[in-house]
Amino acid sequence: MKKILLALAILVAAASAMPGEAEAVVCARGVARAGCAGPNGAVAVRKPVAVAPRPVVVAPAPVVVAPAPVVVAPAVRCTYVNGRRVCR
């Protein structure tokens, strides 16, 4: 009986001493950041800043008004002859 218990104890000790794959992942969430640490490294993520949505204001399309045609009057030469205005 002692031999069986001794063999079982050696078997359990050998099985627990064998290295296994490390696949544990630990994640935590903090006030400013959240992150995870695993066998391949760690990752930290910042929380996005809450921004109030801004209203979208669309300006109306500008109205293009054609300028009025400029009418150039012919040059009128006026002079005073004997106290009277004479335009030719």
PDB file of N, CA and C in Angstrom:
ATOM      1  N   MET A   1       0.828  -1.177   0.000  1.00  0.00           N
ATOM      2  CA  MET A   1       0.000   0.000   0.000  1.00  0.00           C
ATOM      3  C   MET A   1       0.878   1.248   0.000  1.00  0.00           C
ATOM      4  N   LYS A   2       2.007   1.172   0.734  1.00  0.00           N
ATOM      5  CA  LYS A   2       2.890   2.319   0.792  1.00  0.00           C
ATOM      6  C   LYS A   2       3.487   2.601  -0.582  1.00  0.00           C
ATOM      7  N   LYS A   3       3.783   1.548  -1.325  1.00  0.00           N
ATOM      8  CA  LYS A   3       4.365   1.718  -2.639  1.00  0.00           C
ATOM      9  C   LYS A   3       3.373   2.408  -3.593  1.00  0.00           C
ATOM     10  N   ILE A   4       2.121   2.061  -3.474  1.00  0.00           N
ATOM     11  CA  ILE A   4       1.097   2.653  -4.344  1.00  0.00           C
ATOM     12  C   ILE A   4       0.925   4.139  -4.010  1.00  0.00           C
ATOM     13  N   LEU A   5       0.865   4.485  -2.712  1.00  0.00           N
ATOM     14  CA  LEU A   5       0.732   5.876  -2.308  1.00  0.00           C
ATOM     15  C   LEU A   5       1.968   6.683  -2.675  1.00  0.00           C
ATOM     16  N   LEU A   6       3.143   6.080  -2.546  1.00  0.00           N
ATOM     17  CA  LEU A   6       4.371   6.757  -2.915  1.00  0.00           C
ATOM     18  C   LEU A   6       4.425   7.006  -4.429  1.00  0.00           C
ATOM     19  N   ALA A   7       4.008   6.045  -5.221  1.00  0.00           N
ATOM     20  CA  ALA A   7       3.990   6.197  -6.683  1.00  0.00           C
ATOM     21  C   ALA A   7       2.977   7.261  -7.092  1.00  0.00           C
ATOM     22  N   LEU A   8       1.841   7.267  -6.418  1.00  0.00           N
ATOM     23  CA  LEU A   8       0.804   8.274  -6.714  1.00  0.00           C
ATOM     24  C   LEU A   8       1.282   9.667  -6.339  1.00  0.00           C
ATOM     25  N   ALA A   9       1.979   9.799  -5.210  1.00  0.00           N
ATOM     26  CA  ALA A   9       2.500  11.104  -4.783  1.00  0.00           C
ATOM     27  C   ALA A   9       3.559  11.607  -5.756  1.00  0.00           C
ATOM     28  N   ILE A  10       4.422  10.706  -6.239  1.00  0.00           N
ATOM     29  CA  ILE A  10       5.440  11.104  -7.213  1.00  0.00           C
ATOM     30  C   ILE A  10       4.778  11.519  -8.532  1.00  0.00           C
ATOM     31  N   LEU A  11       3.769  10.820  -8.933  1.00  0.00           N
ATOM     32  CA  LEU A  11       3.049  11.139 -10.175  1.00  0.00           C
ATOM     33  C   LEU A  11       2.371  12.510 -10.077  1.00  0.00           C
ATOM     34  N   VAL A  12       1.744  12.809  -8.958  1.00  0.00           N
ATOM     35  CA  VAL A  12       1.074  14.104  -8.762  1.00  0.00           C
ATOM     36  C   VAL A  12       2.097  15.227  -8.703  1.00  0.00           C
ATOM     37  N   ALA A  13       3.219  14.996  -8.024  1.00  0.00           N
ATOM     38  CA  ALA A  13       4.267  16.009  -7.931  1.00  0.00           C
ATOM     39  C   ALA A  13       4.886  16.279  -9.298  1.00  0.00           C
ATOM     40  N   ALA A  14       5.099  15.259 -10.089  1.00  0.00           N
ATOM     41  CA  ALA A  14       5.677  15.429 -11.420  1.00  0.00           C
ATOM     42  C   ALA A  14       4.699  16.160 -12.345  1.00  0.00           C
ATOM     43  N   ALA A  15       3.430  15.852 -12.236  1.00  0.00           N
ATOM     44  CA  ALA A  15       2.425  16.502 -13.088  1.00  0.00           C
ATOM     45  C   ALA A  15       2.278  17.977 -12.733  1.00  0.00           C
ATOM     46  N   SER A  16       2.390  18.319 -11.473  1.00  0.00           N
ATOM     47  CA  SER A  16       2.244  19.722 -11.084  1.00  0.00           C
ATOM     48  C   SER A  16       3.502  20.526 -11.375  1.00  0.00           C
ATOM     49  N   ALA A  17       4.665  19.870 -11.459  1.00  0.00           N
ATOM     50  CA  ALA A  17       5.920  20.567 -11.716  1.00  0.00           C
ATOM     51  C   ALA A  17       6.154  20.790 -13.206  1.00  0.00           C
ATOM     52  N   MET A  18       5.389  20.148 -14.082  1.00  0.00           N
ATOM     53  CA  MET A  18       5.585  20.301 -15.523  1.00  0.00           C
ATOM     54  C   MET A  18       5.062  21.672 -15.967  1.00  0.00           C
ATOM     55  N   PRO A  19       5.859  22.386 -16.754  1.00  0.00           N
ATOM     56  CA  PRO A  19       5.389  23.690 -17.228  1.00  0.00           C
ATOM     57  C   PRO A  19       4.308  23.511 -18.279  1.00  0.00           C
ATOM     58  N   GLY A  20       3.312  24.381 -18.219  1.00  0.00           N
ATOM     59  CA  GLY A  20       2.234  24.361 -19.204  1.00  0.00           C
ATOM     60  C   GLY A  20       2.221  25.669 -19.983  1.00  0.00           C
ATOM     61  N   GLU A  21       1.351  25.774 -20.947  1.00  0.00           N
ATOM     62  CA  GLU A  21       1.256  27.004 -21.728  1.00  0.00           C
ATOM     63  C   GLU A  21       0.574  28.089 -20.898  1.00  0.00           C
ATOM     64  N   ALA A  22       1.097  29.283 -21.015  1.00  0.00           N
ATOM     65  CA  ALA A  22       0.518  30.410 -20.287  1.00  0.00           C
ATOM     66  C   ALA A  22      -0.483  31.105 -21.205  1.00  0.00           C
ATOM     67  N   GLU A  23      -1.728  30.906 -20.959  1.00  0.00           N
ATOM     68  CA  GLU A  23      -2.769  31.525 -21.767  1.00  0.00           C
ATOM     69  C   GLU A  23      -3.681  32.394 -20.918  1.00  0.00           C
ATOM     70  N   ALA A  24      -3.218  32.785 -19.787  1.00  0.00           N
ATOM     71  CA  ALA A  24      -4.048  33.610 -18.918  1.00  0.00           C
ATOM     72  C   ALA A  24      -4.088  35.038 -19.452  1.00  0.00           C
ATOM     73  N   VAL A  25      -5.246  35.628 -19.455  1.00  0.00           N
ATOM     74  CA  VAL A  25      -5.428  37.021 -19.868  1.00  0.00           C
ATOM     75  C   VAL A  25      -6.119  37.744 -18.732  1.00  0.00           C
ATOM     76  N   VAL A  26      -5.542  38.868 -18.341  1.00  0.00           N
ATOM     77  CA  VAL A  26      -6.099  39.652 -17.242  1.00  0.00           C
ATOM     78  C   VAL A  26      -6.498  41.007 -17.805  1.00  0.00           C
ATOM     79  N   CYS A  27      -7.722  41.396 -17.589  1.00  0.00           N
ATOM     80  CA  CYS A  27      -8.204  42.694 -18.058  1.00  0.00           C
ATOM     81  C   CYS A  27      -8.696  43.510 -16.864  1.00  0.00           C
ATOM     82  N   ALA A  28      -8.500  44.809 -16.972  1.00  0.00           N
ATOM     83  CA  ALA A  28      -8.962  45.699 -15.913  1.00  0.00           C
ATOM     84  C   ALA A  28      -9.513  46.955 -16.554  1.00  0.00           C
ATOM     85  N   ARG A  29     -10.459  47.572 -15.873  1.00  0.00           N
ATOM     86  CA  ARG A  29     -11.051  48.806 -16.361  1.00  0.00           C
ATOM     87  C   ARG A  29     -10.897  49.857 -15.276  1.00  0.00           C
ATOM     88  N   GLY A  30     -10.208  50.943 -15.628  1.00  0.00           N
ATOM     89  CA  GLY A  30      -9.972  52.002 -14.657  1.00  0.00           C
ATOM     90  C   GLY A  30     -10.778  53.242 -15.008  1.00  0.00           C
ATOM     91  N   VAL A  31     -10.538  54.323 -14.272  1.00  0.00           N
ATOM     92  CA  VAL A  31     -11.258  55.569 -14.500  1.00  0.00           C
ATOM     93  C   VAL A  31     -10.817  56.203 -15.812  1.00  0.00           C
ATOM     94  N   ALA A  32      -9.521  56.200 -16.061  1.00  0.00           N
ATOM     95  CA  ALA A  32      -9.000  56.857 -17.257  1.00  0.00           C
ATOM     96  C   ALA A  32      -8.722  55.884 -18.392  1.00  0.00           C
ATOM     97  N   ARG A  33      -8.342  54.639 -18.082  1.00  0.00           N
ATOM     98  CA  ARG A  33      -7.937  53.700 -19.117  1.00  0.00           C
ATOM     99  C   ARG A  33      -8.468  52.301 -18.829  1.00  0.00           C
ATOM    100  N   ALA A  34      -8.489  51.511 -19.874  1.00  0.00           N
ATOM    101  CA  ALA A  34      -8.796  50.091 -19.739  1.00  0.00           C
ATOM    102  C   ALA A  34      -7.678  49.339 -20.433  1.00  0.00           C
ATOM    103  N   GLY A  35      -7.381  48.130 -20.002  1.00  0.00           N
ATOM    104  CA  GLY A  35      -6.298  47.397 -20.637  1.00  0.00           C
ATOM    105  C   GLY A  35      -6.341  45.929 -20.306  1.00  0.00           C
ATOM    106  N   CYS A  36      -5.578  45.163 -21.108  1.00  0.00           N
ATOM    107  CA  CYS A  36      -5.474  43.729 -20.911  1.00  0.00           C
ATOM    108  C   CYS A  36      -4.013  43.328 -20.997  1.00  0.00           C
ATOM    109  N   ALA A  37      -3.643  42.303 -20.245  1.00  0.00           N
ATOM    110  CA  ALA A  37      -2.289  41.755 -20.288  1.00  0.00           C
ATOM    111  C   ALA A  37      -2.406  40.263 -20.526  1.00  0.00           C
ATOM    112  N   GLY A  38      -1.667  39.787 -21.521  1.00  0.00           N
ATOM    113  CA  GLY A  38      -1.718  38.374 -21.855  1.00  0.00           C
ATOM    114  C   GLY A  38      -0.329  37.844 -22.115  1.00  0.00           C
ATOM    115  N   PRO A  39      -0.216  36.632 -22.678  1.00  0.00           N
ATOM    116  CA  PRO A  39       1.094  36.031 -22.901  1.00  0.00           C
ATOM    117  C   PRO A  39       1.904  36.749 -23.978  1.00  0.00           C
ATOM    118  N   ASN A  40       1.270  37.474 -24.870  1.00  0.00           N
ATOM    119  CA  ASN A  40       1.986  38.149 -25.948  1.00  0.00           C
ATOM    120  C   ASN A  40       2.234  39.624 -25.672  1.00  0.00           C
ATOM    121  N   GLY A  41       1.866  40.119 -24.543  1.00  0.00           N
ATOM    122  CA  GLY A  41       2.101  41.522 -24.214  1.00  0.00           C
ATOM    123  C   GLY A  41       0.874  42.153 -23.601  1.00  0.00           C
ATOM    124  N   ALA A  42       0.937  43.458 -23.472  1.00  0.00           N
ATOM    125  CA  ALA A  42      -0.161  44.187 -22.838  1.00  0.00           C
ATOM    126  C   ALA A  42      -0.676  45.255 -23.785  1.00  0.00           C
ATOM    127  N   VAL A  43      -1.932  45.608 -23.616  1.00  0.00           N
ATOM    128  CA  VAL A  43      -2.567  46.634 -24.428  1.00  0.00           C
ATOM    129  C   VAL A  43      -3.324  47.556 -23.490  1.00  0.00           C
ATOM    130  N   ALA A  44      -3.113  48.866 -23.653  1.00  0.00           N
ATOM    131  CA  ALA A  44      -3.852  49.853 -22.863  1.00  0.00           C
ATOM    132  C   ALA A  44      -4.660  50.698 -23.822  1.00  0.00           C
ATOM    133  N   VAL A  45      -5.882  50.993 -23.452  1.00  0.00           N
ATOM    134  CA  VAL A  45      -6.792  51.756 -24.308  1.00  0.00           C
ATOM    135  C   VAL A  45      -7.356  52.908 -23.504  1.00  0.00           C
ATOM    136  N   ARG A  46      -7.261  54.130 -24.070  1.00  0.00           N
ATOM    137  CA  ARG A  46      -7.861  55.280 -23.405  1.00  0.00           C
ATOM    138  C   ARG A  46      -9.339  55.356 -23.760  1.00  0.00           C
ATOM    139  N   LYS A  47     -10.117  55.819 -22.827  1.00  0.00           N
ATOM    140  CA  LYS A  47     -11.534  55.993 -23.091  1.00  0.00           C
ATOM    141  C   LYS A  47     -11.730  57.253 -23.920  1.00  0.00           C
ATOM    142  N   PRO A  48     -12.640  57.241 -24.877  1.00  0.00           N
ATOM    143  CA  PRO A  48     -12.858  58.446 -25.674  1.00  0.00           C
ATOM    144  C   PRO A  48     -13.503  59.542 -24.838  1.00  0.00           C
ATOM    145  N   VAL A  49     -13.180  60.774 -25.162  1.00  0.00           N
ATOM    146  CA  VAL A  49     -13.738  61.920 -24.461  1.00  0.00           C
ATOM    147  C   VAL A  49     -15.144  62.162 -24.998  1.00  0.00           C
ATOM    148  N   ALA A  50     -16.079  62.348 -24.097  1.00  0.00           N
ATOM    149  CA  ALA A  50     -17.456  62.595 -24.510  1.00  0.00           C
ATOM    150  C   ALA A  50     -17.578  64.027 -25.022  1.00  0.00           C
ATOM    151  N   VAL A  51     -18.073  64.167 -26.246  1.00  0.00           N
ATOM    152  CA  VAL A  51     -18.230  65.480 -26.866  1.00  0.00           C
ATOM    153  C   VAL A  51     -19.692  65.633 -27.248  1.00  0.00           C
ATOM    154  N   ALA A  52     -20.254  66.771 -26.880  1.00  0.00           N
ATOM    155  CA  ALA A  52     -21.644  67.025 -27.232  1.00  0.00           C
ATOM    156  C   ALA A  52     -21.750  67.199 -28.740  1.00  0.00           C
ATOM    157  N   PRO A  53     -22.775  66.636 -29.356  1.00  0.00           N
ATOM    158  CA  PRO A  53     -22.908  66.786 -30.801  1.00  0.00           C
ATOM    159  C   PRO A  53     -23.189  68.240 -31.168  1.00  0.00           C
ATOM    160  N   ARG A  54     -22.540  68.691 -32.213  1.00  0.00           N
ATOM    161  CA  ARG A  54     -22.731  70.059 -32.670  1.00  0.00           C
ATOM    162  C   ARG A  54     -23.818  70.091 -33.729  1.00  0.00           C
ATOM    163  N   PRO A  55     -24.652  71.133 -33.697  1.00  0.00           N
ATOM    164  CA  PRO A  55     -25.674  71.205 -34.741  1.00  0.00           C
ATOM    165  C   PRO A  55     -25.021  71.508 -36.088  1.00  0.00           C
ATOM    166  N   VAL A  56     -25.574  70.928 -37.116  1.00  0.00           N
ATOM    167  CA  VAL A  56     -25.046  71.142 -38.458  1.00  0.00           C
ATOM    168  C   VAL A  56     -25.787  72.323 -39.064  1.00  0.00           C
ATOM    169  N   VAL A  57     -25.041  73.352 -39.410  1.00  0.00           N
ATOM    170  CA  VAL A  57     -25.634  74.545 -40.016  1.00  0.00           C
ATOM    171  C   VAL A  57     -25.149  74.612 -41.446  1.00  0.00           C
ATOM    172  N   VAL A  58     -26.089  74.608 -42.362  1.00  0.00           N
ATOM    173  CA  VAL A  58     -25.746  74.671 -43.774  1.00  0.00           C
ATOM    174  C   VAL A  58     -26.112  76.059 -44.269  1.00  0.00           C
ATOM    175  N   ALA A  59     -25.125  76.757 -44.776  1.00  0.00           N
ATOM    176  CA  ALA A  59     -25.369  78.101 -45.290  1.00  0.00           C
ATOM    177  C   ALA A  59     -26.098  77.990 -46.624  1.00  0.00           C
ATOM    178  N   PRO A  60     -27.040  78.891 -46.864  1.00  0.00           N
ATOM    179  CA  PRO A  60     -27.734  78.836 -48.151  1.00  0.00           C
ATOM    180  C   PRO A  60     -26.763  79.186 -49.277  1.00  0.00           C
ATOM    181  N   ALA A  61     -27.067  78.680 -50.437  1.00  0.00           N
ATOM    182  CA  ALA A  61     -26.220  78.947 -51.592  1.00  0.00           C
ATOM    183  C   ALA A  61     -26.289  80.437 -51.918  1.00  0.00           C
ATOM    184  N   PRO A  62     -25.154  81.031 -52.240  1.00  0.00           N
ATOM    185  CA  PRO A  62     -25.181  82.459 -52.559  1.00  0.00           C
ATOM    186  C   PRO A  62     -25.967  82.718 -53.843  1.00  0.00           C
ATOM    187  N   VAL A  63     -26.735  83.785 -53.810  1.00  0.00           N
ATOM    188  CA  VAL A  63     -27.543  84.169 -54.975  1.00  0.00           C
ATOM    189  C   VAL A  63     -26.690  85.094 -55.832  1.00  0.00           C
ATOM    190  N   VAL A  64     -26.493  84.686 -57.065  1.00  0.00           N
ATOM    191  CA  VAL A  64     -25.674  85.483 -57.972  1.00  0.00           C
ATOM    192  C   VAL A  64     -26.616  86.383 -58.758  1.00  0.00           C
ATOM    193  N   VAL A  65     -26.419  87.665 -58.581  1.00  0.00           N
ATOM    194  CA  VAL A  65     -27.251  88.638 -59.282  1.00  0.00           C
ATOM    195  C   VAL A  65     -26.389  89.277 -60.356  1.00  0.00           C
ATOM    196  N   ALA A  66     -26.891  89.216 -61.578  1.00  0.00           N
ATOM    197  CA  ALA A  66     -26.139  89.815 -62.675  1.00  0.00           C
ATOM    198  C   ALA A  66     -26.186  91.333 -62.525  1.00  0.00           C
ATOM    199  N   PRO A  67     -25.051  91.992 -62.684  1.00  0.00           N
ATOM    200  CA  PRO A  67     -25.062  93.449 -62.557  1.00  0.00           C
ATOM    201  C   PRO A  67     -25.876  94.084 -63.681  1.00  0.00           C
ATOM    202  N   ALA A  68     -26.509  95.184 -63.326  1.00  0.00           N
ATOM    203  CA  ALA A  68     -27.316  95.888 -64.325  1.00  0.00           C
ATOM    204  C   ALA A  68     -26.382  96.431 -65.406  1.00  0.00           C
ATOM    205  N   PRO A  69     -26.841  96.379 -66.644  1.00  0.00           N
ATOM    206  CA  PRO A  69     -25.989  96.907 -67.706  1.00  0.00           C
ATOM    207  C   PRO A  69     -25.787  98.415 -67.524  1.00  0.00           C
ATOM    208  N   VAL A  70     -24.585  98.810 -67.749  1.00  0.00           N
ATOM    209  CA  VAL A  70     -24.247 100.217 -67.583  1.00  0.00           C
ATOM    210  C   VAL A  70     -24.467 100.923 -68.916  1.00  0.00           C
ATOM    211  N   VAL A  71     -25.317 101.944 -68.869  1.00  0.00           N
ATOM    212  CA  VAL A  71     -25.588 102.719 -70.069  1.00  0.00           C
ATOM    213  C   VAL A  71     -24.754 103.990 -69.980  1.00  0.00           C
ATOM    214  N   VAL A  72     -23.891 104.141 -70.944  1.00  0.00           N
ATOM    215  CA  VAL A  72     -23.036 105.317 -70.960  1.00  0.00           C
ATOM    216  C   VAL A  72     -23.657 106.320 -71.919  1.00  0.00           C
ATOM    217  N   ALA A  73     -24.027 107.463 -71.354  1.00  0.00           N
ATOM    218  CA  ALA A  73     -24.623 108.526 -72.190  1.00  0.00           C
ATOM    219  C   ALA A  73     -23.510 109.196 -73.001  1.00  0.00           C
ATOM    220  N   PRO A  74     -23.842 109.575 -74.181  1.00  0.00           N
ATOM    221  CA  PRO A  74     -22.822 110.272 -74.958  1.00  0.00           C
ATOM    222  C   PRO A  74     -22.447 111.584 -74.275  1.00  0.00           C
ATOM    223  N   ALA A  75     -21.228 111.935 -74.414  1.00  0.00           N
ATOM    224  CA  ALA A  75     -20.749 113.150 -73.771  1.00  0.00           C
ATOM    225  C   ALA A  75     -21.435 114.361 -74.394  1.00  0.00           C
ATOM    226  N   VAL A  76     -22.040 115.142 -73.562  1.00  0.00           N
ATOM    227  CA  VAL A  76     -22.733 116.344 -74.015  1.00  0.00           C
ATOM    228  C   VAL A  76     -21.897 117.538 -73.583  1.00  0.00           C
ATOM    229  N   ARG A  77     -21.580 118.364 -74.558  1.00  0.00           N
ATOM    230  CA  ARG A  77     -20.772 119.539 -74.240  1.00  0.00           C
ATOM    231  C   ARG A  77     -21.711 120.732 -74.106  1.00  0.00           C
ATOM    232  N   CYS A  78     -21.754 121.262 -72.914  1.00  0.00           N
ATOM    233  CA  CYS A  78     -22.590 122.429 -72.667  1.00  0.00           C
ATOM    234  C   CYS A  78     -21.702 123.628 -72.363  1.00  0.00           C
ATOM    235  N   THR A  79     -22.077 124.741 -72.917  1.00  0.00           N
ATOM    236  CA  THR A  79     -21.352 125.983 -72.646  1.00  0.00           C
ATOM    237  C   THR A  79     -22.361 127.100 -72.415  1.00  0.00           C
ATOM    238  N   TYR A  80     -21.898 128.202 -71.889  1.00  0.00           N
ATOM    239  CA  TYR A  80     -22.756 129.368 -71.672  1.00  0.00           C
ATOM    240  C   TYR A  80     -22.395 130.417 -72.732  1.00  0.00           C
ATOM    241  N   VAL A  81     -23.364 130.765 -73.497  1.00  0.00           N
ATOM    242  CA  VAL A  81     -23.178 131.792 -74.529  1.00  0.00           C
ATOM    243  C   VAL A  81     -24.170 132.912 -74.243  1.00  0.00           C
ATOM    244  N   ASN A  82     -23.649 134.099 -73.998  1.00  0.00           N
ATOM    245  CA  ASN A  82     -24.470 135.266 -73.711  1.00  0.00           C
ATOM    246  C   ASN A  82     -25.411 135.028 -72.544  1.00  0.00           C
ATOM    247  N   GLY A  83     -24.935 134.292 -71.503  1.00  0.00           N
ATOM    248  CA  GLY A  83     -25.725 134.074 -70.313  1.00  0.00           C
ATOM    249  C   GLY A  83     -26.714 132.922 -70.409  1.00  0.00           C
ATOM    250  N   ARG A  84     -26.709 132.235 -71.535  1.00  0.00           N
ATOM    251  CA  ARG A  84     -27.612 131.093 -71.707  1.00  0.00           C
ATOM    252  C   ARG A  84     -26.810 129.800 -71.869  1.00  0.00           C
ATOM    253  N   ARG A  85     -27.374 128.734 -71.375  1.00  0.00           N
ATOM    254  CA  ARG A  85     -26.716 127.448 -71.479  1.00  0.00           C
ATOM    255  C   ARG A  85     -27.023 126.838 -72.838  1.00  0.00           C
ATOM    256  N   VAL A  86     -25.959 126.450 -73.567  1.00  0.00           N
ATOM    257  CA  VAL A  86     -26.129 125.874 -74.882  1.00  0.00           C
ATOM    258  C   VAL A  86     -25.425 124.504 -74.863  1.00  0.00           C
ATOM    259  N   CYS A  87     -26.189 123.439 -75.131  1.00  0.00           N
ATOM    260  CA  CYS A  87     -25.648 122.086 -75.145  1.00  0.00           C
ATOM    261  C   CYS A  87     -25.699 121.560 -76.575  1.00  0.00           C
ATOM    262  N   ARG A  88     -24.602 121.054 -77.081  1.00  0.00           N
ATOM    263  CA  ARG A  88     -24.563 120.512 -78.451  1.00  0.00           C
ATOM    264  C   ARG A  88     -24.068 119.120 -78.443  1.00  0.00           C
TER     265      ARG A  88
END
